[in-house]
Amino acid sequence: MKDGKHRKDIRPGLEVDIVLKKDQPTGKLTRGIVKDILTNSPTHPHGIKVRLRDGQVGRVQVIHDGDTKQES
């Protein structure tokens, strides 16, 4: 699994864990599928901002590759 600090690692359709703005103090993660990439810069220290298919917006913390869904 990769962290979400590099834009090149993220593309629509990937399963990711994001932290929503309201959850930043607790660090609670929300899992979903990337719809849009909202950060334009190639990297961001707190994670690339994305919109999930369900409309939620947050910064990517973990990128789940297809084969590693069983890892914790």
C-alpha atoms as a PDB file:
ATOM      1  CA  MET A   1       0.000   0.000   0.000  1.00  0.00           C
ATOM      2  CA  LYS A   2       1.111   3.536  -0.711  1.00  0.00           C
ATOM      3  CA  ASP A   3       0.395   6.782   1.056  1.00  0.00           C
ATOM      4  CA  GLY A   4      -1.521   9.467  -0.814  1.00  0.00           C
ATOM      5  CA  LYS A   5       1.093  12.207  -0.989  1.00  0.00           C
ATOM      6  CA  HIS A   6       1.991  11.813  -4.684  1.00  0.00           C
ATOM      7  CA  ARG A   7      -0.551  12.750  -7.349  1.00  0.00           C
ATOM      8  CA  LYS A   8       0.984  10.325  -9.861  1.00  0.00           C
ATOM      9  CA  ASP A   9      -0.049   7.366  -7.652  1.00  0.00           C
ATOM     10  CA  ILE A  10      -3.749   8.308  -7.670  1.00  0.00           C
ATOM     11  CA  ARG A  11      -6.265   7.853 -10.471  1.00  0.00           C
ATOM     12  CA  PRO A  12     -10.054   7.620 -10.748  1.00  0.00           C
ATOM     13  CA  GLY A  13     -11.360   4.167  -9.877  1.00  0.00           C
ATOM     14  CA  LEU A  14      -8.792   3.404  -7.160  1.00  0.00           C
ATOM     15  CA  GLU A  15      -9.926   2.335  -3.696  1.00  0.00           C
ATOM     16  CA  VAL A  16      -8.497   4.711  -1.101  1.00  0.00           C
ATOM     17  CA  ASP A  17      -8.832   5.739   2.537  1.00  0.00           C
ATOM     18  CA  ILE A  18      -9.274   9.487   3.007  1.00  0.00           C
ATOM     19  CA  VAL A  19      -9.526  11.748   6.028  1.00  0.00           C
ATOM     20  CA  LEU A  20     -12.461  14.133   5.789  1.00  0.00           C
ATOM     21  CA  LYS A  21     -12.030  17.758   6.913  1.00  0.00           C
ATOM     22  CA  LYS A  22     -14.334  17.166   9.904  1.00  0.00           C
ATOM     23  CA  ASP A  23     -12.303  14.077  10.886  1.00  0.00           C
ATOM     24  CA  GLN A  24      -8.858  15.700  10.743  1.00  0.00           C
ATOM     25  CA  PRO A  25      -8.625  16.147  14.546  1.00  0.00           C
ATOM     26  CA  THR A  26      -9.327  12.429  15.135  1.00  0.00           C
ATOM     27  CA  GLY A  27      -7.700  11.014  12.003  1.00  0.00           C
ATOM     28  CA  LYS A  28     -10.758   8.819  11.297  1.00  0.00           C
ATOM     29  CA  LEU A  29     -10.492   7.282   7.809  1.00  0.00           C
ATOM     30  CA  THR A  30     -13.257   6.898   5.228  1.00  0.00           C
ATOM     31  CA  ARG A  31     -12.903   4.316   2.444  1.00  0.00           C
ATOM     32  CA  GLY A  32     -14.175   4.906  -1.063  1.00  0.00           C
ATOM     33  CA  ILE A  33     -13.476   4.962  -4.789  1.00  0.00           C
ATOM     34  CA  VAL A  34     -11.792   8.022  -6.352  1.00  0.00           C
ATOM     35  CA  LYS A  35     -13.980   9.993  -8.759  1.00  0.00           C
ATOM     36  CA  ASP A  36     -11.970  13.228  -9.172  1.00  0.00           C
ATOM     37  CA  ILE A  37      -8.512  14.442  -8.175  1.00  0.00           C
ATOM     38  CA  LEU A  38      -8.784  17.957  -6.754  1.00  0.00           C
ATOM     39  CA  THR A  39      -5.138  18.764  -5.941  1.00  0.00           C
ATOM     40  CA  ASN A  40      -3.199  20.142  -8.916  1.00  0.00           C
ATOM     41  CA  SER A  41       0.316  20.025  -7.454  1.00  0.00           C
ATOM     42  CA  PRO A  42       2.387  16.819  -7.908  1.00  0.00           C
ATOM     43  CA  THR A  43       2.724  16.276  -4.143  1.00  0.00           C
ATOM     44  CA  HIS A  44       1.077  17.443  -0.926  1.00  0.00           C
ATOM     45  CA  PRO A  45       2.419  16.822   2.605  1.00  0.00           C
ATOM     46  CA  HIS A  46      -1.054  16.025   4.043  1.00  0.00           C
ATOM     47  CA  GLY A  47      -2.260  13.920   1.103  1.00  0.00           C
ATOM     48  CA  ILE A  48      -3.742  14.601  -2.315  1.00  0.00           C
ATOM     49  CA  LYS A  49      -7.308  15.929  -2.103  1.00  0.00           C
ATOM     50  CA  VAL A  50      -9.893  13.831  -3.962  1.00  0.00           C
ATOM     51  CA  ARG A  51     -13.656  13.526  -4.386  1.00  0.00           C
ATOM     52  CA  LEU A  52     -15.048  10.032  -3.910  1.00  0.00           C
ATOM     53  CA  ARG A  53     -17.851   8.565  -6.025  1.00  0.00           C
ATOM     54  CA  ASP A  54     -20.282   9.231  -3.158  1.00  0.00           C
ATOM     55  CA  GLY A  55     -19.354  12.949  -3.199  1.00  0.00           C
ATOM     56  CA  GLN A  56     -17.232  13.068  -0.033  1.00  0.00           C
ATOM     57  CA  VAL A  57     -14.029  15.124  -0.252  1.00  0.00           C
ATOM     58  CA  GLY A  58     -10.851  14.513   1.694  1.00  0.00           C
ATOM     59  CA  ARG A  59      -7.117  13.880   1.584  1.00  0.00           C
ATOM     60  CA  VAL A  60      -5.817  10.450   0.619  1.00  0.00           C
ATOM     61  CA  GLN A  61      -4.006   8.651   3.445  1.00  0.00           C
ATOM     62  CA  VAL A  62      -3.806   5.112   2.017  1.00  0.00           C
ATOM     63  CA  ILE A  63      -4.055   3.740  -1.535  1.00  0.00           C
ATOM     64  CA  HIS A  64      -5.294   0.149  -1.730  1.00  0.00           C
ATOM     65  CA  ASP A  65      -3.851  -1.845  -4.620  1.00  0.00           C
ATOM     66  CA  GLY A  66      -6.050  -4.586  -6.053  1.00  0.00           C
ATOM     67  CA  ASP A  67      -4.006  -7.460  -4.539  1.00  0.00           C
ATOM     68  CA  THR A  68      -3.495  -5.991  -1.076  1.00  0.00           C
ATOM     69  CA  LYS A  69      -7.101  -5.599   0.117  1.00  0.00           C
ATOM     70  CA  GLN A  70      -6.524  -8.343   2.703  1.00  0.00           C
ATOM     71  CA  GLU A  71      -3.664  -6.454   4.401  1.00  0.00           C
ATOM     72  CA  SER A  72      -4.450  -4.409   7.465  1.00  0.00           C
END
